[in-house]
Amino acid sequence: MRVLVTRPAAQASEWVRQLRAAGFGAEALPLIDIAPAADAAPVAAAWAALPERSLVFFVSPNAVAHFFALRPEGMAWPEDLRAASPGPGTTLALAAQGVAHIAEPPADSPQFDSEALWQGLRHEAWAGRRVTIVRGSGGRDGLAERLREAGAEIEFVAAYRRAAPLLADAEQALLNEAQARPHEHLWFFSSSEAIDHLESLCPGTDWSAARALATHPRIAERARRLGMGRVLEARPARDAVMACIQSIGS
């Protein structure tokens, strides 16, 4: 059984490395492309406004990478400014950039997402505080809604763009194999958007013999709507994902 990791290329390659190190067959088949923001000016303005912010929420490791890649010369992350992260991957990316104060969901959270993060933030007084949310173009605004309801002022900045993938020849061949031999593959989804793109790439495909592992109930439900015959759920933590894969293969 080959695990098809559908995350953007940078995160997919790391997951493939870890899965192979644990003895699983794994291949990267990124179903979301990540590109720099079309306009870097809003990111530069966000950097200049950091001293006025109470919190900066990064939605993903890609948000961290692209925001810091566009840091204007001479500007630094304020030492006392707190960042927020939806989970371990984003937290590690922030720590690698030297960010010292990071709010994140507890390690034993059922899910790593903005809802879990909000459980640790909701008891704070947010009225009048200014929060920046660094994300790609578009995206869900669950945390923003909660913060607004609590009285915070929200600013969004798009540090990168998400798009449908342009598959290389090897990736297209891998997709063709997965369609032809579904029982030999396991789709690993960390985003509903990846499933949307898969559906666009393979219109009319019968997915009833396919298997998928999803890291969130919303993603699992999207895979079921696509018609995948067996969909399992696992927390997005490495050990939980690997235990789920092992259960499928046993």
C-alpha atoms as a PDB file:
ATOM      1  CA  MET A   1       0.000   0.000   0.000  1.00  0.00           C
ATOM      2  CA  ARG A   2       1.306   3.413  -0.972  1.00  0.00           C
ATOM      3  CA  VAL A   3       0.271   6.484   0.990  1.00  0.00           C
ATOM      4  CA  LEU A   4      -0.374   9.457  -1.301  1.00  0.00           C
ATOM      5  CA  VAL A   5       0.443  12.662   0.581  1.00  0.00           C
ATOM      6  CA  THR A   6      -1.616  15.460  -0.938  1.00  0.00           C
ATOM      7  CA  ARG A   7      -0.339  18.448   1.061  1.00  0.00           C
ATOM      8  CA  PRO A   8       1.538  21.291  -0.677  1.00  0.00           C
ATOM      9  CA  ALA A   9       4.969  20.226  -1.889  1.00  0.00           C
ATOM     10  CA  ALA A  10       7.066  21.471   1.046  1.00  0.00           C
ATOM     11  CA  GLN A  11       4.916  19.761   3.685  1.00  0.00           C
ATOM     12  CA  ALA A  12       4.294  16.686   1.519  1.00  0.00           C
ATOM     13  CA  SER A  13       8.000  15.955   1.180  1.00  0.00           C
ATOM     14  CA  GLU A  14       8.477  16.092   4.956  1.00  0.00           C
ATOM     15  CA  TRP A  15       5.542  13.752   5.558  1.00  0.00           C
ATOM     16  CA  VAL A  16       6.887  11.355   2.923  1.00  0.00           C
ATOM     17  CA  ARG A  17      10.274  11.366   4.640  1.00  0.00           C
ATOM     18  CA  GLN A  18       8.741  10.574   8.030  1.00  0.00           C
ATOM     19  CA  LEU A  19       6.426   7.890   6.672  1.00  0.00           C
ATOM     20  CA  ARG A  20       9.222   6.151   4.807  1.00  0.00           C
ATOM     21  CA  ALA A  21      11.435   6.298   7.896  1.00  0.00           C
ATOM     22  CA  ALA A  22       8.659   4.471   9.765  1.00  0.00           C
ATOM     23  CA  GLY A  23       8.549   1.768   7.094  1.00  0.00           C
ATOM     24  CA  PHE A  24       5.521   2.882   5.083  1.00  0.00           C
ATOM     25  CA  GLY A  25       5.444   3.263   1.329  1.00  0.00           C
ATOM     26  CA  ALA A  26       4.682   6.914   0.609  1.00  0.00           C
ATOM     27  CA  GLU A  27       4.711   9.279  -2.344  1.00  0.00           C
ATOM     28  CA  ALA A  28       4.079  12.992  -2.634  1.00  0.00           C
ATOM     29  CA  LEU A  29       1.142  13.949  -4.833  1.00  0.00           C
ATOM     30  CA  PRO A  30       0.571  17.626  -3.963  1.00  0.00           C
ATOM     31  CA  LEU A  31      -2.964  18.706  -4.793  1.00  0.00           C
ATOM     32  CA  ILE A  32      -2.508  22.337  -3.741  1.00  0.00           C
ATOM     33  CA  ASP A  33       0.061  24.664  -5.280  1.00  0.00           C
ATOM     34  CA  ILE A  34       1.522  27.446  -3.160  1.00  0.00           C
ATOM     35  CA  ALA A  35       2.797  30.634  -4.792  1.00  0.00           C
ATOM     36  CA  PRO A  36       3.986  33.999  -3.449  1.00  0.00           C
ATOM     37  CA  ALA A  37       1.419  36.740  -2.985  1.00  0.00           C
ATOM     38  CA  ALA A  38       0.678  38.691  -6.141  1.00  0.00           C
ATOM     39  CA  ASP A  39       1.273  41.942  -4.228  1.00  0.00           C
ATOM     40  CA  ALA A  40       3.936  42.119  -1.523  1.00  0.00           C
ATOM     41  CA  ALA A  41       2.934  45.618  -0.352  1.00  0.00           C
ATOM     42  CA  PRO A  42       0.239  44.459   2.135  1.00  0.00           C
ATOM     43  CA  VAL A  43       2.754  42.110   3.753  1.00  0.00           C
ATOM     44  CA  ALA A  44       5.283  44.944   4.106  1.00  0.00           C
ATOM     45  CA  ALA A  45       2.559  47.109   5.664  1.00  0.00           C
ATOM     46  CA  ALA A  46       1.686  44.298   8.080  1.00  0.00           C
ATOM     47  CA  TRP A  47       5.325  44.067   9.139  1.00  0.00           C
ATOM     48  CA  ALA A  48       5.409  47.810   9.827  1.00  0.00           C
ATOM     49  CA  ALA A  49       2.254  47.536  11.951  1.00  0.00           C
ATOM     50  CA  LEU A  50       3.463  44.641  14.132  1.00  0.00           C
ATOM     51  CA  PRO A  51       4.345  46.849  17.154  1.00  0.00           C
ATOM     52  CA  GLU A  52       0.679  47.894  17.282  1.00  0.00           C
ATOM     53  CA  ARG A  53      -0.675  44.335  17.295  1.00  0.00           C
ATOM     54  CA  SER A  54      -1.630  42.162  20.269  1.00  0.00           C
ATOM     55  CA  LEU A  55      -1.528  38.889  18.346  1.00  0.00           C
ATOM     56  CA  VAL A  56      -0.593  37.576  14.907  1.00  0.00           C
ATOM     57  CA  PHE A  57      -2.240  34.315  13.866  1.00  0.00           C
ATOM     58  CA  PHE A  58      -0.507  32.245  11.177  1.00  0.00           C
ATOM     59  CA  VAL A  59      -2.863  29.736   9.583  1.00  0.00           C
ATOM     60  CA  SER A  60      -0.157  27.311   8.369  1.00  0.00           C
ATOM     61  CA  PRO A  61       3.590  26.740   7.927  1.00  0.00           C
ATOM     62  CA  ASN A  62       3.224  28.256   4.455  1.00  0.00           C
ATOM     63  CA  ALA A  63       1.860  31.448   6.005  1.00  0.00           C
ATOM     64  CA  VAL A  64       4.943  31.629   8.225  1.00  0.00           C
ATOM     65  CA  ALA A  65       7.396  30.918   5.410  1.00  0.00           C
ATOM     66  CA  HIS A  66       5.969  33.475   2.998  1.00  0.00           C
ATOM     67  CA  PHE A  67       5.391  36.188   5.609  1.00  0.00           C
ATOM     68  CA  PHE A  68       8.981  36.009   6.834  1.00  0.00           C
ATOM     69  CA  ALA A  69      10.331  35.693   3.289  1.00  0.00           C
ATOM     70  CA  LEU A  70       8.802  39.118   2.581  1.00  0.00           C
ATOM     71  CA  ARG A  71      10.156  40.772   5.728  1.00  0.00           C
ATOM     72  CA  PRO A  72      11.331  44.278   4.770  1.00  0.00           C
ATOM     73  CA  GLU A  73      15.010  44.963   5.302  1.00  0.00           C
ATOM     74  CA  GLY A  74      15.762  46.326   8.738  1.00  0.00           C
ATOM     75  CA  MET A  75      12.525  45.111  10.349  1.00  0.00           C
ATOM     76  CA  ALA A  76      12.419  42.472  13.067  1.00  0.00           C
ATOM     77  CA  TRP A  77       9.713  40.540  14.874  1.00  0.00           C
ATOM     78  CA  PRO A  78       8.965  42.432  18.137  1.00  0.00           C
ATOM     79  CA  GLU A  79      10.351  40.424  21.041  1.00  0.00           C
ATOM     80  CA  ASP A  80       7.185  40.656  23.148  1.00  0.00           C
ATOM     81  CA  LEU A  81       4.677  40.103  20.348  1.00  0.00           C
ATOM     82  CA  ARG A  82       2.752  36.847  20.628  1.00  0.00           C
ATOM     83  CA  ALA A  83       2.066  34.696  17.593  1.00  0.00           C
ATOM     84  CA  ALA A  84      -0.672  32.085  17.358  1.00  0.00           C
ATOM     85  CA  SER A  85      -0.614  28.725  15.617  1.00  0.00           C
ATOM     86  CA  PRO A  86      -3.263  26.071  14.862  1.00  0.00           C
ATOM     87  CA  GLY A  87      -0.878  23.180  15.435  1.00  0.00           C
ATOM     88  CA  PRO A  88       2.631  21.731  15.785  1.00  0.00           C
ATOM     89  CA  GLY A  89       3.774  22.265  12.185  1.00  0.00           C
ATOM     90  CA  THR A  90       3.082  25.978  12.276  1.00  0.00           C
ATOM     91  CA  THR A  91       4.546  26.264  15.761  1.00  0.00           C
ATOM     92  CA  LEU A  92       7.809  24.675  14.607  1.00  0.00           C
ATOM     93  CA  ALA A  93       7.940  27.039  11.640  1.00  0.00           C
ATOM     94  CA  LEU A  94       7.479  30.042  13.934  1.00  0.00           C
ATOM     95  CA  ALA A  95      10.102  28.828  16.383  1.00  0.00           C
ATOM     96  CA  ALA A  96      12.550  28.405  13.495  1.00  0.00           C
ATOM     97  CA  GLN A  97      12.033  32.088  12.714  1.00  0.00           C
ATOM     98  CA  GLY A  98      12.947  33.048  16.283  1.00  0.00           C
ATOM     99  CA  VAL A  99       9.418  33.779  17.540  1.00  0.00           C
ATOM    100  CA  ALA A 100       9.497  33.207  21.286  1.00  0.00           C
ATOM    101  CA  HIS A 101       5.881  33.601  22.391  1.00  0.00           C
ATOM    102  CA  ILE A 102       3.438  31.274  20.624  1.00  0.00           C
ATOM    103  CA  ALA A 103      -0.144  30.373  21.536  1.00  0.00           C
ATOM    104  CA  GLU A 104      -1.238  26.969  20.250  1.00  0.00           C
ATOM    105  CA  PRO A 105      -3.746  24.204  21.061  1.00  0.00           C
ATOM    106  CA  PRO A 106      -2.685  21.724  23.755  1.00  0.00           C
ATOM    107  CA  ALA A 107      -0.704  18.737  22.502  1.00  0.00           C
ATOM    108  CA  ASP A 108      -3.588  16.390  23.387  1.00  0.00           C
ATOM    109  CA  SER A 109      -6.259  18.375  21.525  1.00  0.00           C
ATOM    110  CA  PRO A 110      -8.643  16.190  19.501  1.00  0.00           C
ATOM    111  CA  GLN A 111      -7.926  18.495  16.541  1.00  0.00           C
ATOM    112  CA  PHE A 112      -5.300  21.042  15.613  1.00  0.00           C
ATOM    113  CA  ASP A 113      -7.239  23.927  14.110  1.00  0.00           C
ATOM    114  CA  SER A 114      -8.422  27.451  14.816  1.00  0.00           C
ATOM    115  CA  GLU A 115     -11.342  26.176  16.910  1.00  0.00           C
ATOM    116  CA  ALA A 116      -8.969  24.314  19.244  1.00  0.00           C
ATOM    117  CA  LEU A 117      -6.739  27.398  19.422  1.00  0.00           C
ATOM    118  CA  TRP A 118      -9.708  29.583  20.360  1.00  0.00           C
ATOM    119  CA  GLN A 119     -10.415  27.436  23.428  1.00  0.00           C
ATOM    120  CA  GLY A 120      -7.155  28.697  24.904  1.00  0.00           C
ATOM    121  CA  LEU A 121      -7.715  32.321  23.883  1.00  0.00           C
ATOM    122  CA  ARG A 122     -11.388  32.844  24.585  1.00  0.00           C
ATOM    123  CA  HIS A 123     -10.960  33.736  28.262  1.00  0.00           C
ATOM    124  CA  GLU A 124      -8.777  36.754  27.452  1.00  0.00           C
ATOM    125  CA  ALA A 125     -10.138  40.290  27.173  1.00  0.00           C
ATOM    126  CA  TRP A 126     -10.103  41.091  23.447  1.00  0.00           C
ATOM    127  CA  ALA A 127     -12.121  44.295  23.292  1.00  0.00           C
ATOM    128  CA  GLY A 128     -10.172  46.926  21.356  1.00  0.00           C
ATOM    129  CA  ARG A 129      -7.150  44.690  20.752  1.00  0.00           C
ATOM    130  CA  ARG A 130      -5.763  44.476  17.223  1.00  0.00           C
ATOM    131  CA  VAL A 131      -5.068  41.097  15.631  1.00  0.00           C
ATOM    132  CA  THR A 132      -3.471  40.252  12.288  1.00  0.00           C
ATOM    133  CA  ILE A 133      -4.311  36.985  10.540  1.00  0.00           C
ATOM    134  CA  VAL A 134      -1.692  35.817   8.037  1.00  0.00           C
ATOM    135  CA  ARG A 135      -3.089  33.403   5.479  1.00  0.00           C
ATOM    136  CA  GLY A 136      -3.300  32.554   1.804  1.00  0.00           C
ATOM    137  CA  SER A 137      -5.769  34.107  -0.575  1.00  0.00           C
ATOM    138  CA  GLY A 138      -9.206  33.313   0.847  1.00  0.00           C
ATOM    139  CA  GLY A 139      -9.712  30.655   3.480  1.00  0.00           C
ATOM    140  CA  ARG A 140     -11.986  30.032   6.451  1.00  0.00           C
ATOM    141  CA  ASP A 141     -12.367  32.814   9.005  1.00  0.00           C
ATOM    142  CA  GLY A 142     -13.544  30.888  12.073  1.00  0.00           C
ATOM    143  CA  LEU A 143     -11.042  32.422  14.485  1.00  0.00           C
ATOM    144  CA  ALA A 144     -11.625  35.897  13.064  1.00  0.00           C
ATOM    145  CA  GLU A 145     -15.344  35.565  13.733  1.00  0.00           C
ATOM    146  CA  ARG A 146     -14.742  34.559  17.349  1.00  0.00           C
ATOM    147  CA  LEU A 147     -12.285  37.387  17.933  1.00  0.00           C
ATOM    148  CA  ARG A 148     -14.628  39.948  16.376  1.00  0.00           C
ATOM    149  CA  GLU A 149     -17.459  38.735  18.578  1.00  0.00           C
ATOM    150  CA  ALA A 150     -15.131  39.300  21.554  1.00  0.00           C
ATOM    151  CA  GLY A 151     -14.440  42.868  20.414  1.00  0.00           C
ATOM    152  CA  ALA A 152     -11.088  42.531  18.667  1.00  0.00           C
ATOM    153  CA  GLU A 153     -10.159  44.453  15.516  1.00  0.00           C
ATOM    154  CA  ILE A 154      -9.066  42.080  12.737  1.00  0.00           C
ATOM    155  CA  GLU A 155      -6.712  42.648   9.825  1.00  0.00           C
ATOM    156  CA  PHE A 156      -6.113  39.986   7.157  1.00  0.00           C
ATOM    157  CA  VAL A 157      -2.944  39.790   5.094  1.00  0.00           C
ATOM    158  CA  ALA A 158      -2.472  37.344   2.204  1.00  0.00           C
ATOM    159  CA  ALA A 159       1.158  36.229   2.246  1.00  0.00           C
ATOM    160  CA  TYR A 160       0.734  33.570  -0.452  1.00  0.00           C
ATOM    161  CA  ARG A 161      -1.689  32.181  -3.018  1.00  0.00           C
ATOM    162  CA  ARG A 162      -3.277  28.736  -3.101  1.00  0.00           C
ATOM    163  CA  ALA A 163      -4.113  27.264  -6.483  1.00  0.00           C
ATOM    164  CA  ALA A 164      -4.974  24.037  -8.251  1.00  0.00           C
ATOM    165  CA  PRO A 165      -1.876  21.956  -9.049  1.00  0.00           C
ATOM    166  CA  LEU A 166      -0.188  21.646 -12.408  1.00  0.00           C
ATOM    167  CA  LEU A 167       0.904  18.016 -12.283  1.00  0.00           C
ATOM    168  CA  ALA A 168       4.300  16.982 -13.594  1.00  0.00           C
ATOM    169  CA  ASP A 169       4.462  13.845 -15.746  1.00  0.00           C
ATOM    170  CA  ALA A 170       5.505  11.669 -12.798  1.00  0.00           C
ATOM    171  CA  GLU A 171       2.679  13.038 -10.640  1.00  0.00           C
ATOM    172  CA  GLN A 172       0.135  12.453 -13.392  1.00  0.00           C
ATOM    173  CA  ALA A 173       1.386   8.879 -13.759  1.00  0.00           C
ATOM    174  CA  LEU A 174       1.003   8.385 -10.006  1.00  0.00           C
ATOM    175  CA  LEU A 175      -2.548   9.732 -10.147  1.00  0.00           C
ATOM    176  CA  ASN A 176      -3.349   7.376 -13.022  1.00  0.00           C
ATOM    177  CA  GLU A 177      -2.006   4.410 -11.047  1.00  0.00           C
ATOM    178  CA  ALA A 178      -4.080   5.361  -8.007  1.00  0.00           C
ATOM    179  CA  GLN A 179      -7.212   5.459 -10.150  1.00  0.00           C
ATOM    180  CA  ALA A 180      -6.440   2.139 -11.828  1.00  0.00           C
ATOM    181  CA  ARG A 181      -5.432   0.297  -8.632  1.00  0.00           C
ATOM    182  CA  PRO A 182      -7.289   1.939  -5.742  1.00  0.00           C
ATOM    183  CA  HIS A 183      -6.713  -0.942  -3.304  1.00  0.00           C
ATOM    184  CA  GLU A 184      -2.948  -0.392  -3.508  1.00  0.00           C
ATOM    185  CA  HIS A 185      -3.167   3.259  -2.443  1.00  0.00           C
ATOM    186  CA  LEU A 186      -4.300   5.337   0.515  1.00  0.00           C
ATOM    187  CA  TRP A 187      -5.146   9.002   0.007  1.00  0.00           C
ATOM    188  CA  PHE A 188      -3.870  11.183   2.867  1.00  0.00           C
ATOM    189  CA  PHE A 189      -5.870  14.414   3.006  1.00  0.00           C
ATOM    190  CA  SER A 190      -5.129  17.394   5.254  1.00  0.00           C
ATOM    191  CA  SER A 191      -7.373  19.836   3.360  1.00  0.00           C
ATOM    192  CA  SER A 192     -10.819  19.772   1.795  1.00  0.00           C
ATOM    193  CA  GLU A 193      -9.425  21.992  -0.949  1.00  0.00           C
ATOM    194  CA  ALA A 194      -7.111  19.178  -2.029  1.00  0.00           C
ATOM    195  CA  ILE A 195     -10.169  16.970  -2.524  1.00  0.00           C
ATOM    196  CA  ASP A 196     -11.848  19.719  -4.540  1.00  0.00           C
ATOM    197  CA  HIS A 197      -8.821  19.810  -6.820  1.00  0.00           C
ATOM    198  CA  LEU A 198      -8.751  16.014  -7.109  1.00  0.00           C
ATOM    199  CA  GLU A 199     -12.354  16.047  -8.246  1.00  0.00           C
ATOM    200  CA  SER A 200     -11.522  18.675 -10.870  1.00  0.00           C
ATOM    201  CA  LEU A 201      -8.533  16.674 -12.092  1.00  0.00           C
ATOM    202  CA  CYS A 202     -10.559  13.462 -12.399  1.00  0.00           C
ATOM    203  CA  PRO A 203     -14.120  14.367 -13.401  1.00  0.00           C
ATOM    204  CA  GLY A 204     -16.549  11.477 -13.419  1.00  0.00           C
ATOM    205  CA  THR A 205     -14.242   9.078 -11.578  1.00  0.00           C
ATOM    206  CA  ASP A 206     -15.841   6.324  -9.504  1.00  0.00           C
ATOM    207  CA  TRP A 207     -14.038   6.522  -6.157  1.00  0.00           C
ATOM    208  CA  SER A 208     -16.067   3.810  -4.409  1.00  0.00           C
ATOM    209  CA  ALA A 209     -13.079   1.443  -4.189  1.00  0.00           C
ATOM    210  CA  ALA A 210     -10.713   4.139  -2.914  1.00  0.00           C
ATOM    211  CA  ARG A 211      -9.525   4.597   0.658  1.00  0.00           C
ATOM    212  CA  ALA A 212      -8.690   7.846   2.410  1.00  0.00           C
ATOM    213  CA  LEU A 213      -7.300   9.101   5.698  1.00  0.00           C
ATOM    214  CA  ALA A 214      -8.465  12.575   6.748  1.00  0.00           C
ATOM    215  CA  THR A 215      -7.110  14.737   9.560  1.00  0.00           C
ATOM    216  CA  HIS A 216     -10.363  16.569  10.351  1.00  0.00           C
ATOM    217  CA  PRO A 217     -14.075  15.665  10.340  1.00  0.00           C
ATOM    218  CA  ARG A 218     -14.805  18.335   7.707  1.00  0.00           C
ATOM    219  CA  ILE A 219     -12.172  16.825   5.434  1.00  0.00           C
ATOM    220  CA  ALA A 220     -13.503  13.317   6.015  1.00  0.00           C
ATOM    221  CA  GLU A 221     -17.008  14.453   5.115  1.00  0.00           C
ATOM    222  CA  ARG A 222     -15.709  16.024   1.896  1.00  0.00           C
ATOM    223  CA  ALA A 223     -13.995  12.742   0.962  1.00  0.00           C
ATOM    224  CA  ARG A 224     -17.245  10.880   1.550  1.00  0.00           C
ATOM    225  CA  ARG A 225     -19.119  13.355  -0.651  1.00  0.00           C
ATOM    226  CA  LEU A 226     -16.577  12.643  -3.377  1.00  0.00           C
ATOM    227  CA  GLY A 227     -17.646   9.014  -3.076  1.00  0.00           C
ATOM    228  CA  MET A 228     -14.585   7.418  -1.501  1.00  0.00           C
ATOM    229  CA  GLY A 229     -15.577   4.012  -0.212  1.00  0.00           C
ATOM    230  CA  ARG A 230     -13.609   3.958   3.033  1.00  0.00           C
ATOM    231  CA  VAL A 231     -12.682   7.120   4.921  1.00  0.00           C
ATOM    232  CA  LEU A 232     -10.864   7.073   8.261  1.00  0.00           C
ATOM    233  CA  GLU A 233     -10.088   9.987  10.547  1.00  0.00           C
ATOM    234  CA  ALA A 234      -6.947  10.661  12.579  1.00  0.00           C
ATOM    235  CA  ARG A 235      -5.580  13.581  14.543  1.00  0.00           C
ATOM    236  CA  PRO A 236      -2.978  15.440  12.430  1.00  0.00           C
ATOM    237  CA  ALA A 237      -0.204  14.426  14.825  1.00  0.00           C
ATOM    238  CA  ARG A 238       2.425  12.130  13.328  1.00  0.00           C
ATOM    239  CA  ASP A 239       1.914   9.230  15.745  1.00  0.00           C
ATOM    240  CA  ALA A 240      -1.872   9.294  15.306  1.00  0.00           C
ATOM    241  CA  VAL A 241      -1.583   9.300  11.516  1.00  0.00           C
ATOM    242  CA  MET A 242       0.911   6.437  11.509  1.00  0.00           C
ATOM    243  CA  ALA A 243      -1.200   4.368  13.907  1.00  0.00           C
ATOM    244  CA  CYS A 244      -4.197   4.832  11.623  1.00  0.00           C
ATOM    245  CA  ILE A 245      -2.194   3.791   8.562  1.00  0.00           C
ATOM    246  CA  GLN A 246      -0.927   0.745  10.428  1.00  0.00           C
ATOM    247  CA  SER A 247      -4.499  -0.257  11.316  1.00  0.00           C
ATOM    248  CA  ILE A 248      -5.480  -0.130   7.655  1.00  0.00           C
ATOM    249  CA  GLY A 249      -2.587  -2.326   6.607  1.00  0.00           C
ATOM    250  CA  SER A 250      -3.066  -4.893   9.369  1.00  0.00           C
END
